[in-house]
């Protein structure tokens, strides 16, 4: 078994531990810079190909949608939604 497949299996096992789906409240204070970076990392991670041997392959669609909502909520609270959209469009234009 490759290291990638092994890591995905371990991660999938950890995610299936009882209680992992329970909601938790997190009081978090971070800089706008880190909100923007966190949102970028979440968005880039969501764009990764979902193959069976990757960690992304073991995550349900509902959980991916929840991550996207968390990212958007953080951007809203930091007042960075419009800036993030413009930065993302610049990144996408640069890929052409």
Foldseek 3Di string as FASTA:
>chain_A
DDPLQVVLVVLLVVCPPPPNPDDDDDDDDDDPVVLLVLLVVLVVVLPDDQDNSHNNVSDDPVVNVVSNVVSVVSCVVNVNPVVSVVVVVVVVVVVD
